[in-house]
Full PDB file with SEQRES, HELIX, SHEET, SSBOND, CRYST1, ORIGX, SCALE, CONECT and MASTER records, all heavy atoms in Angstrom:
SEQRES   1 A   31  MET ASP TYR PHE CYS ILE ASN ILE ILE ILE ILE ASP VAL          
SEQRES   2 A   31  ALA VAL MET LYS ASN ILE ILE LYS VAL TRP ASN ASP ASN          
SEQRES   3 A   31  PRO THR GLU ASP GLN                                          
CRYST1    1.000    1.000    1.000  90.00  90.00  90.00 P 1           1          
ORIGX1      1.000000  0.000000  0.000000        0.00000                         
ORIGX2      0.000000  1.000000  0.000000        0.00000                         
ORIGX3      0.000000  0.000000  1.000000        0.00000                         
SCALE1      1.000000  0.000000  0.000000        0.00000                         
SCALE2      0.000000  1.000000  0.000000        0.00000                         
SCALE3      0.000000  0.000000  1.000000        0.00000                         
ATOM      1  N   MET A   1      -8.428  35.446  22.024  1.00  0.00           N  
ATOM      2  CA  MET A   1      -8.053  34.381  21.092  1.00  0.00           C  
ATOM      3  C   MET A   1      -8.463  33.035  21.668  1.00  0.00           C  
ATOM      4  O   MET A   1      -8.237  32.768  22.831  1.00  0.00           O  
ATOM      5  CB  MET A   1      -6.532  34.409  20.879  1.00  0.00           C  
ATOM      6  CG  MET A   1      -6.044  33.335  19.904  1.00  0.00           C  
ATOM      7  SD  MET A   1      -4.240  33.388  19.651  1.00  0.00           S  
ATOM      8  CE  MET A   1      -4.076  34.963  18.824  1.00  0.00           C  
ATOM      9  N   ASP A   2      -9.072  32.219  20.828  1.00  0.00           N  
ATOM     10  CA  ASP A   2      -9.476  30.887  21.265  1.00  0.00           C  
ATOM     11  C   ASP A   2      -8.367  29.895  20.981  1.00  0.00           C  
ATOM     12  O   ASP A   2      -7.692  29.951  19.952  1.00  0.00           O  
ATOM     13  CB  ASP A   2     -10.737  30.431  20.519  1.00  0.00           C  
ATOM     14  CG  ASP A   2     -11.931  31.306  20.877  1.00  0.00           C  
ATOM     15  OD1 ASP A   2     -11.969  31.759  22.021  1.00  0.00           O  
ATOM     16  OD2 ASP A   2     -12.780  31.492  19.991  1.00  0.00           O  
ATOM     17  N   TYR A   3      -8.201  28.990  21.909  1.00  0.00           N  
ATOM     18  CA  TYR A   3      -7.192  27.946  21.741  1.00  0.00           C  
ATOM     19  C   TYR A   3      -7.887  26.589  21.656  1.00  0.00           C  
ATOM     20  O   TYR A   3      -8.818  26.313  22.407  1.00  0.00           O  
ATOM     21  CB  TYR A   3      -6.217  27.948  22.929  1.00  0.00           C  
ATOM     22  CG  TYR A   3      -5.346  29.183  22.964  1.00  0.00           C  
ATOM     23  CD1 TYR A   3      -5.770  30.307  23.665  1.00  0.00           C  
ATOM     24  CD2 TYR A   3      -4.133  29.215  22.302  1.00  0.00           C  
ATOM     25  CE1 TYR A   3      -4.992  31.449  23.705  1.00  0.00           C  
ATOM     26  CE2 TYR A   3      -3.341  30.355  22.341  1.00  0.00           C  
ATOM     27  CZ  TYR A   3      -3.775  31.471  23.041  1.00  0.00           C  
ATOM     28  OH  TYR A   3      -3.004  32.588  23.070  1.00  0.00           O  
ATOM     29  N   PHE A   4      -7.442  25.811  20.729  1.00  0.00           N  
ATOM     30  CA  PHE A   4      -8.026  24.482  20.555  1.00  0.00           C  
ATOM     31  C   PHE A   4      -6.990  23.436  20.926  1.00  0.00           C  
ATOM     32  O   PHE A   4      -5.832  23.528  20.519  1.00  0.00           O  
ATOM     33  CB  PHE A   4      -8.464  24.271  19.093  1.00  0.00           C  
ATOM     34  CG  PHE A   4      -9.551  25.193  18.663  1.00  0.00           C  
ATOM     35  CD1 PHE A   4      -9.255  26.421  18.065  1.00  0.00           C  
ATOM     36  CD2 PHE A   4     -10.877  24.857  18.884  1.00  0.00           C  
ATOM     37  CE1 PHE A   4     -10.267  27.269  17.688  1.00  0.00           C  
ATOM     38  CE2 PHE A   4     -11.891  25.713  18.489  1.00  0.00           C  
ATOM     39  CZ  PHE A   4     -11.591  26.925  17.894  1.00  0.00           C  
ATOM     40  N   CYS A   5      -7.413  22.508  21.705  1.00  0.00           N  
ATOM     41  CA  CYS A   5      -6.521  21.415  22.104  1.00  0.00           C  
ATOM     42  C   CYS A   5      -6.806  20.215  21.201  1.00  0.00           C  
ATOM     43  O   CYS A   5      -7.933  19.723  21.167  1.00  0.00           O  
ATOM     44  CB  CYS A   5      -6.747  21.028  23.559  1.00  0.00           C  
ATOM     45  SG  CYS A   5      -5.681  19.659  24.097  1.00  0.00           S  
ATOM     46  N   ILE A   6      -5.823  19.812  20.450  1.00  0.00           N  
ATOM     47  CA  ILE A   6      -5.984  18.690  19.529  1.00  0.00           C  
ATOM     48  C   ILE A   6      -5.269  17.473  20.093  1.00  0.00           C  
ATOM     49  O   ILE A   6      -4.066  17.503  20.352  1.00  0.00           O  
ATOM     50  CB  ILE A   6      -5.409  19.027  18.136  1.00  0.00           C  
ATOM     51  CG1 ILE A   6      -6.109  20.261  17.567  1.00  0.00           C  
ATOM     52  CG2 ILE A   6      -5.546  17.837  17.188  1.00  0.00           C  
ATOM     53  CD1 ILE A   6      -5.517  20.734  16.249  1.00  0.00           C  
ATOM     54  N   ASN A   7      -6.012  16.444  20.327  1.00  0.00           N  
ATOM     55  CA  ASN A   7      -5.425  15.207  20.823  1.00  0.00           C  
ATOM     56  C   ASN A   7      -5.069  14.301  19.650  1.00  0.00           C  
ATOM     57  O   ASN A   7      -5.941  13.957  18.849  1.00  0.00           O  
ATOM     58  CB  ASN A   7      -6.414  14.464  21.749  1.00  0.00           C  
ATOM     59  CG  ASN A   7      -6.666  15.243  23.027  1.00  0.00           C  
ATOM     60  OD1 ASN A   7      -5.744  15.825  23.595  1.00  0.00           O  
ATOM     61  ND2 ASN A   7      -7.924  15.261  23.460  1.00  0.00           N  
ATOM     62  N   ILE A   8      -3.842  13.950  19.554  1.00  0.00           N  
ATOM     63  CA  ILE A   8      -3.379  13.071  18.481  1.00  0.00           C  
ATOM     64  C   ILE A   8      -3.117  11.688  19.067  1.00  0.00           C  
ATOM     65  O   ILE A   8      -2.312  11.535  19.986  1.00  0.00           O  
ATOM     66  CB  ILE A   8      -2.096  13.612  17.819  1.00  0.00           C  
ATOM     67  CG1 ILE A   8      -2.369  15.002  17.216  1.00  0.00           C  
ATOM     68  CG2 ILE A   8      -1.594  12.661  16.740  1.00  0.00           C  
ATOM     69  CD1 ILE A   8      -1.127  15.654  16.655  1.00  0.00           C  
ATOM     70  N   ILE A   9      -3.801  10.724  18.553  1.00  0.00           N  
ATOM     71  CA  ILE A   9      -3.628   9.352  19.018  1.00  0.00           C  
ATOM     72  C   ILE A   9      -2.765   8.607  18.012  1.00  0.00           C  
ATOM     73  O   ILE A   9      -3.093   8.527  16.828  1.00  0.00           O  
ATOM     74  CB  ILE A   9      -4.986   8.639  19.161  1.00  0.00           C  
ATOM     75  CG1 ILE A   9      -5.853   9.398  20.171  1.00  0.00           C  
ATOM     76  CG2 ILE A   9      -4.787   7.190  19.599  1.00  0.00           C  
ATOM     77  CD1 ILE A   9      -7.258   8.830  20.282  1.00  0.00           C  
ATOM     78  N   ILE A  10      -1.649   8.125  18.464  1.00  0.00           N  
ATOM     79  CA  ILE A  10      -0.743   7.390  17.592  1.00  0.00           C  
ATOM     80  C   ILE A  10      -0.899   5.902  17.872  1.00  0.00           C  
ATOM     81  O   ILE A  10      -0.731   5.449  19.002  1.00  0.00           O  
ATOM     82  CB  ILE A  10       0.728   7.811  17.825  1.00  0.00           C  
ATOM     83  CG1 ILE A  10       0.888   9.310  17.515  1.00  0.00           C  
ATOM     84  CG2 ILE A  10       1.671   6.975  16.963  1.00  0.00           C  
ATOM     85  CD1 ILE A  10       2.274   9.842  17.830  1.00  0.00           C  
ATOM     86  N   ILE A  11      -1.267   5.187  16.855  1.00  0.00           N  
ATOM     87  CA  ILE A  11      -1.418   3.740  16.988  1.00  0.00           C  
ATOM     88  C   ILE A  11      -0.181   3.067  16.437  1.00  0.00           C  
ATOM     89  O   ILE A  11       0.192   3.260  15.286  1.00  0.00           O  
ATOM     90  CB  ILE A  11      -2.658   3.246  16.225  1.00  0.00           C  
ATOM     91  CG1 ILE A  11      -3.907   3.951  16.779  1.00  0.00           C  
ATOM     92  CG2 ILE A  11      -2.798   1.735  16.330  1.00  0.00           C  
ATOM     93  CD1 ILE A  11      -5.171   3.630  15.998  1.00  0.00           C  
ATOM     94  N   ASP A  12       0.480   2.306  17.272  1.00  0.00           N  
ATOM     95  CA  ASP A  12       1.698   1.621  16.859  1.00  0.00           C  
ATOM     96  C   ASP A  12       1.320   0.270  16.265  1.00  0.00           C  
ATOM     97  O   ASP A  12       0.884  -0.635  16.962  1.00  0.00           O  
ATOM     98  CB  ASP A  12       2.623   1.407  18.074  1.00  0.00           C  
ATOM     99  CG  ASP A  12       3.941   0.766  17.678  1.00  0.00           C  
ATOM    100  OD1 ASP A  12       4.259   0.748  16.480  1.00  0.00           O  
ATOM    101  OD2 ASP A  12       4.645   0.281  18.591  1.00  0.00           O  
ATOM    102  N   VAL A  13       1.451   0.156  14.963  1.00  0.00           N  
ATOM    103  CA  VAL A  13       1.128  -1.087  14.274  1.00  0.00           C  
ATOM    104  C   VAL A  13       2.425  -1.782  13.886  1.00  0.00           C  
ATOM    105  O   VAL A  13       3.266  -1.207  13.200  1.00  0.00           O  
ATOM    106  CB  VAL A  13       0.286  -0.819  13.010  1.00  0.00           C  
ATOM    107  CG1 VAL A  13      -0.037  -2.131  12.306  1.00  0.00           C  
ATOM    108  CG2 VAL A  13      -0.990  -0.082  13.390  1.00  0.00           C  
ATOM    109  N   ALA A  14       2.592  -3.007  14.333  1.00  0.00           N  
ATOM    110  CA  ALA A  14       3.812  -3.752  14.028  1.00  0.00           C  
ATOM    111  C   ALA A  14       3.756  -4.245  12.588  1.00  0.00           C  
ATOM    112  O   ALA A  14       2.912  -5.041  12.222  1.00  0.00           O  
ATOM    113  CB  ALA A  14       3.958  -4.943  14.981  1.00  0.00           C  
ATOM    114  N   VAL A  15       4.624  -3.677  11.772  1.00  0.00           N  
ATOM    115  CA  VAL A  15       4.697  -4.085  10.375  1.00  0.00           C  
ATOM    116  C   VAL A  15       6.137  -4.436  10.055  1.00  0.00           C  
ATOM    117  O   VAL A  15       7.049  -3.675  10.345  1.00  0.00           O  
ATOM    118  CB  VAL A  15       4.222  -2.955   9.438  1.00  0.00           C  
ATOM    119  CG1 VAL A  15       4.382  -3.383   7.976  1.00  0.00           C  
ATOM    120  CG2 VAL A  15       2.786  -2.573   9.728  1.00  0.00           C  
ATOM    121  N   MET A  16       6.327  -5.577   9.457  1.00  0.00           N  
ATOM    122  CA  MET A  16       7.664  -5.982   9.082  1.00  0.00           C  
ATOM    123  C   MET A  16       8.108  -5.155   7.886  1.00  0.00           C  
ATOM    124  O   MET A  16       7.477  -5.171   6.833  1.00  0.00           O  
ATOM    125  CB  MET A  16       7.703  -7.476   8.740  1.00  0.00           C  
ATOM    126  CG  MET A  16       9.090  -7.954   8.398  1.00  0.00           C  
ATOM    127  SD  MET A  16       9.168  -9.722   8.182  1.00  0.00           S  
ATOM    128  CE  MET A  16      10.923  -9.870   7.771  1.00  0.00           C  
ATOM    129  N   LYS A  17       9.200  -4.408   8.041  1.00  0.00           N  
ATOM    130  CA  LYS A  17       9.645  -3.509   6.983  1.00  0.00           C  
ATOM    131  C   LYS A  17      10.717  -4.149   6.094  1.00  0.00           C  
ATOM    132  O   LYS A  17      10.964  -3.660   4.989  1.00  0.00           O  
ATOM    133  CB  LYS A  17      10.185  -2.211   7.597  1.00  0.00           C  
ATOM    134  CG  LYS A  17       9.128  -1.418   8.349  1.00  0.00           C  
ATOM    135  CD  LYS A  17       9.713  -0.140   8.925  1.00  0.00           C  
ATOM    136  CE  LYS A  17       8.641   0.658   9.665  1.00  0.00           C  
ATOM    137  NZ  LYS A  17       9.173   1.911  10.261  1.00  0.00           N  
ATOM    138  N   ASN A  18      11.348  -5.195   6.555  1.00  0.00           N  
ATOM    139  CA  ASN A  18      12.458  -5.770   5.807  1.00  0.00           C  
ATOM    140  C   ASN A  18      11.956  -6.768   4.759  1.00  0.00           C  
ATOM    141  O   ASN A  18      12.179  -7.964   4.845  1.00  0.00           O  
ATOM    142  CB  ASN A  18      13.450  -6.447   6.759  1.00  0.00           C  
ATOM    143  CG  ASN A  18      14.830  -6.549   6.133  1.00  0.00           C  
ATOM    144  OD1 ASN A  18      15.087  -6.036   5.055  1.00  0.00           O  
ATOM    145  ND2 ASN A  18      15.722  -7.229   6.820  1.00  0.00           N  
ATOM    146  N   ILE A  19      11.226  -6.235   3.778  1.00  0.00           N  
ATOM    147  CA  ILE A  19      10.720  -7.041   2.668  1.00  0.00           C  
ATOM    148  C   ILE A  19      11.394  -6.556   1.387  1.00  0.00           C  
ATOM    149  O   ILE A  19      11.368  -5.361   1.075  1.00  0.00           O  
ATOM    150  CB  ILE A  19       9.186  -6.930   2.532  1.00  0.00           C  
ATOM    151  CG1 ILE A  19       8.503  -7.477   3.791  1.00  0.00           C  
ATOM    152  CG2 ILE A  19       8.701  -7.683   1.308  1.00  0.00           C  
ATOM    153  CD1 ILE A  19       6.989  -7.330   3.778  1.00  0.00           C  
ATOM    154  N   ILE A  20      12.014  -7.473   0.686  1.00  0.00           N  
ATOM    155  CA  ILE A  20      12.740  -7.140  -0.533  1.00  0.00           C  
ATOM    156  C   ILE A  20      11.917  -7.610  -1.725  1.00  0.00           C  
ATOM    157  O   ILE A  20      11.659  -8.801  -1.880  1.00  0.00           O  
ATOM    158  CB  ILE A  20      14.127  -7.817  -0.542  1.00  0.00           C  
ATOM    159  CG1 ILE A  20      14.957  -7.355   0.667  1.00  0.00           C  
ATOM    160  CG2 ILE A  20      14.858  -7.548  -1.846  1.00  0.00           C  
ATOM    161  CD1 ILE A  20      16.230  -8.149   0.873  1.00  0.00           C  
ATOM    162  N   LYS A  21      11.511  -6.673  -2.561  1.00  0.00           N  
ATOM    163  CA  LYS A  21      10.677  -7.001  -3.710  1.00  0.00           C  
ATOM    164  C   LYS A  21      11.553  -7.344  -4.915  1.00  0.00           C  
ATOM    165  O   LYS A  21      12.403  -6.556  -5.314  1.00  0.00           O  
ATOM    166  CB  LYS A  21       9.759  -5.824  -4.052  1.00  0.00           C  
ATOM    167  CG  LYS A  21       8.935  -6.027  -5.324  1.00  0.00           C  
ATOM    168  CD  LYS A  21       7.956  -7.192  -5.208  1.00  0.00           C  
ATOM    169  CE  LYS A  21       7.147  -7.354  -6.483  1.00  0.00           C  
ATOM    170  NZ  LYS A  21       6.242  -8.521  -6.429  1.00  0.00           N  
ATOM    171  N   VAL A  22      11.341  -8.531  -5.465  1.00  0.00           N  
ATOM    172  CA  VAL A  22      12.065  -8.984  -6.648  1.00  0.00           C  
ATOM    173  C   VAL A  22      11.073  -9.144  -7.793  1.00  0.00           C  
ATOM    174  O   VAL A  22      10.037  -9.797  -7.637  1.00  0.00           O  
ATOM    175  CB  VAL A  22      12.781 -10.331  -6.380  1.00  0.00           C  
ATOM    176  CG1 VAL A  22      13.331 -10.915  -7.675  1.00  0.00           C  
ATOM    177  CG2 VAL A  22      13.906 -10.142  -5.368  1.00  0.00           C  
ATOM    178  N   TRP A  23      11.408  -8.563  -8.934  1.00  0.00           N  
ATOM    179  CA  TRP A  23      10.510  -8.619 -10.086  1.00  0.00           C  
ATOM    180  C   TRP A  23      10.966  -9.707 -11.054  1.00  0.00           C  
ATOM    181  O   TRP A  23      12.153  -9.844 -11.356  1.00  0.00           O  
ATOM    182  CB  TRP A  23      10.471  -7.267 -10.813  1.00  0.00           C  
ATOM    183  CG  TRP A  23       9.956  -6.156  -9.962  1.00  0.00           C  
ATOM    184  CD1 TRP A  23      10.689  -5.228  -9.293  1.00  0.00           C  
ATOM    185  CD2 TRP A  23       8.591  -5.854  -9.670  1.00  0.00           C  
ATOM    186  NE1 TRP A  23       9.882  -4.369  -8.598  1.00  0.00           N  
ATOM    187  CE2 TRP A  23       8.583  -4.727  -8.814  1.00  0.00           C  
ATOM    188  CE3 TRP A  23       7.374  -6.428 -10.058  1.00  0.00           C  
ATOM    189  CZ2 TRP A  23       7.399  -4.160  -8.336  1.00  0.00           C  
ATOM    190  CZ3 TRP A  23       6.193  -5.859  -9.570  1.00  0.00           C  
ATOM    191  CH2 TRP A  23       6.218  -4.737  -8.733  1.00  0.00           C  
ATOM    192  N   ASN A  24       9.995 -10.479 -11.546  1.00  0.00           N  
ATOM    193  CA  ASN A  24      10.243 -11.473 -12.604  1.00  0.00           C  
ATOM    194  C   ASN A  24      11.355 -12.459 -12.251  1.00  0.00           C  
ATOM    195  O   ASN A  24      12.099 -12.897 -13.130  1.00  0.00           O  
ATOM    196  CB  ASN A  24      10.566 -10.767 -13.922  1.00  0.00           C  
ATOM    197  CG  ASN A  24       9.435  -9.887 -14.399  1.00  0.00           C  
ATOM    198  OD1 ASN A  24       8.267 -10.252 -14.288  1.00  0.00           O  
ATOM    199  ND2 ASN A  24       9.770  -8.711 -14.908  1.00  0.00           N  
ATOM    200  N   ASP A  25      11.463 -12.808 -10.975  1.00  0.00           N  
ATOM    201  CA  ASP A  25      12.463 -13.781 -10.522  1.00  0.00           C  
ATOM    202  C   ASP A  25      13.856 -13.413 -11.027  1.00  0.00           C  
ATOM    203  O   ASP A  25      14.629 -14.258 -11.472  1.00  0.00           O  
ATOM    204  CB  ASP A  25      12.083 -15.195 -11.004  1.00  0.00           C  
ATOM    205  CG  ASP A  25      12.918 -16.284 -10.322  1.00  0.00           C  
ATOM    206  OD1 ASP A  25      13.416 -16.050  -9.201  1.00  0.00           O  
ATOM    207  OD2 ASP A  25      13.081 -17.375 -10.919  1.00  0.00           O  
ATOM    208  N   ASN A  26      14.183 -12.116 -10.933  1.00  0.00           N  
ATOM    209  CA  ASN A  26      15.472 -11.630 -11.420  1.00  0.00           C  
ATOM    210  C   ASN A  26      16.076 -10.665 -10.405  1.00  0.00           C  
ATOM    211  O   ASN A  26      16.137  -9.455 -10.641  1.00  0.00           O  
ATOM    212  CB  ASN A  26      15.293 -10.956 -12.783  1.00  0.00           C  
ATOM    213  CG  ASN A  26      16.618 -10.612 -13.429  1.00  0.00           C  
ATOM    214  OD1 ASN A  26      17.627 -11.273 -13.191  1.00  0.00           O  
ATOM    215  ND2 ASN A  26      16.628  -9.569 -14.246  1.00  0.00           N  
ATOM    216  N   PRO A  27      16.553 -11.195  -9.262  1.00  0.00           N  
ATOM    217  CA  PRO A  27      17.069 -10.324  -8.209  1.00  0.00           C  
ATOM    218  C   PRO A  27      18.425  -9.727  -8.563  1.00  0.00           C  
ATOM    219  O   PRO A  27      19.182 -10.300  -9.359  1.00  0.00           O  
ATOM    220  CB  PRO A  27      17.195 -11.268  -7.008  1.00  0.00           C  
ATOM    221  CG  PRO A  27      17.461 -12.602  -7.629  1.00  0.00           C  
ATOM    222  CD  PRO A  27      16.642 -12.620  -8.893  1.00  0.00           C  
ATOM    223  N   THR A  28      18.725  -8.581  -7.972  1.00  0.00           N  
ATOM    224  CA  THR A  28      20.054  -8.002  -8.112  1.00  0.00           C  
ATOM    225  C   THR A  28      20.973  -8.636  -7.081  1.00  0.00           C  
ATOM    226  O   THR A  28      20.516  -9.222  -6.088  1.00  0.00           O  
ATOM    227  CB  THR A  28      20.022  -6.484  -7.891  1.00  0.00           C  
ATOM    228  OG1 THR A  28      19.670  -6.229  -6.509  1.00  0.00           O  
ATOM    229  CG2 THR A  28      19.006  -5.817  -8.807  1.00  0.00           C  
ATOM    230  N   GLU A  29      22.265  -8.496  -7.280  1.00  0.00           N  
ATOM    231  CA  GLU A  29      23.223  -9.043  -6.314  1.00  0.00           C  
ATOM    232  C   GLU A  29      23.075  -8.350  -4.964  1.00  0.00           C  
ATOM    233  O   GLU A  29      23.240  -8.986  -3.915  1.00  0.00           O  
ATOM    234  CB  GLU A  29      24.651  -8.905  -6.844  1.00  0.00           C  
ATOM    235  CG  GLU A  29      24.961  -9.844  -7.997  1.00  0.00           C  
ATOM    236  CD  GLU A  29      26.453  -9.966  -8.260  1.00  0.00           C  
ATOM    237  OE1 GLU A  29      27.237  -9.424  -7.467  1.00  0.00           O  
ATOM    238  OE2 GLU A  29      26.814 -10.604  -9.265  1.00  0.00           O  
ATOM    239  N   ASP A  30      22.781  -7.041  -4.980  1.00  0.00           N  
ATOM    240  CA  ASP A  30      22.599  -6.313  -3.718  1.00  0.00           C  
ATOM    241  C   ASP A  30      21.405  -6.854  -2.945  1.00  0.00           C  
ATOM    242  O   ASP A  30      21.458  -6.967  -1.708  1.00  0.00           O  
ATOM    243  CB  ASP A  30      22.394  -4.813  -3.990  1.00  0.00           C  
ATOM    244  CG  ASP A  30      23.695  -4.117  -4.372  1.00  0.00           C  
ATOM    245  OD1 ASP A  30      24.768  -4.706  -4.140  1.00  0.00           O  
ATOM    246  OD2 ASP A  30      23.620  -2.996  -4.910  1.00  0.00           O  
ATOM    247  N   GLN A  31      20.336  -7.180  -3.641  1.00  0.00           N  
ATOM    248  CA  GLN A  31      19.161  -7.746  -2.963  1.00  0.00           C  
ATOM    249  C   GLN A  31      19.510  -9.086  -2.310  1.00  0.00           C  
ATOM    250  O   GLN A  31      19.137  -9.334  -1.158  1.00  0.00           O  
ATOM    251  CB  GLN A  31      18.014  -7.921  -3.956  1.00  0.00           C  
ATOM    252  CG  GLN A  31      17.358  -6.623  -4.377  1.00  0.00           C  
ATOM    253  CD  GLN A  31      16.271  -6.833  -5.409  1.00  0.00           C  
ATOM    254  OE1 GLN A  31      16.425  -7.624  -6.346  1.00  0.00           O  
ATOM    255  NE2 GLN A  31      15.155  -6.128  -5.258  1.00  0.00           N  
TER     256      GLN A  31                                                      
MASTER        0    0    0    0    0    0    0    6  255    1    0    3          
END                                                                             
């Protein structure tokens, strides 16, 4: 049986996740 070694490269990209999308300038109270 042949075995294949797969190298996985993980690139850490800094992305700001705390973005709140408001539609038509009508936010909810929770937002």
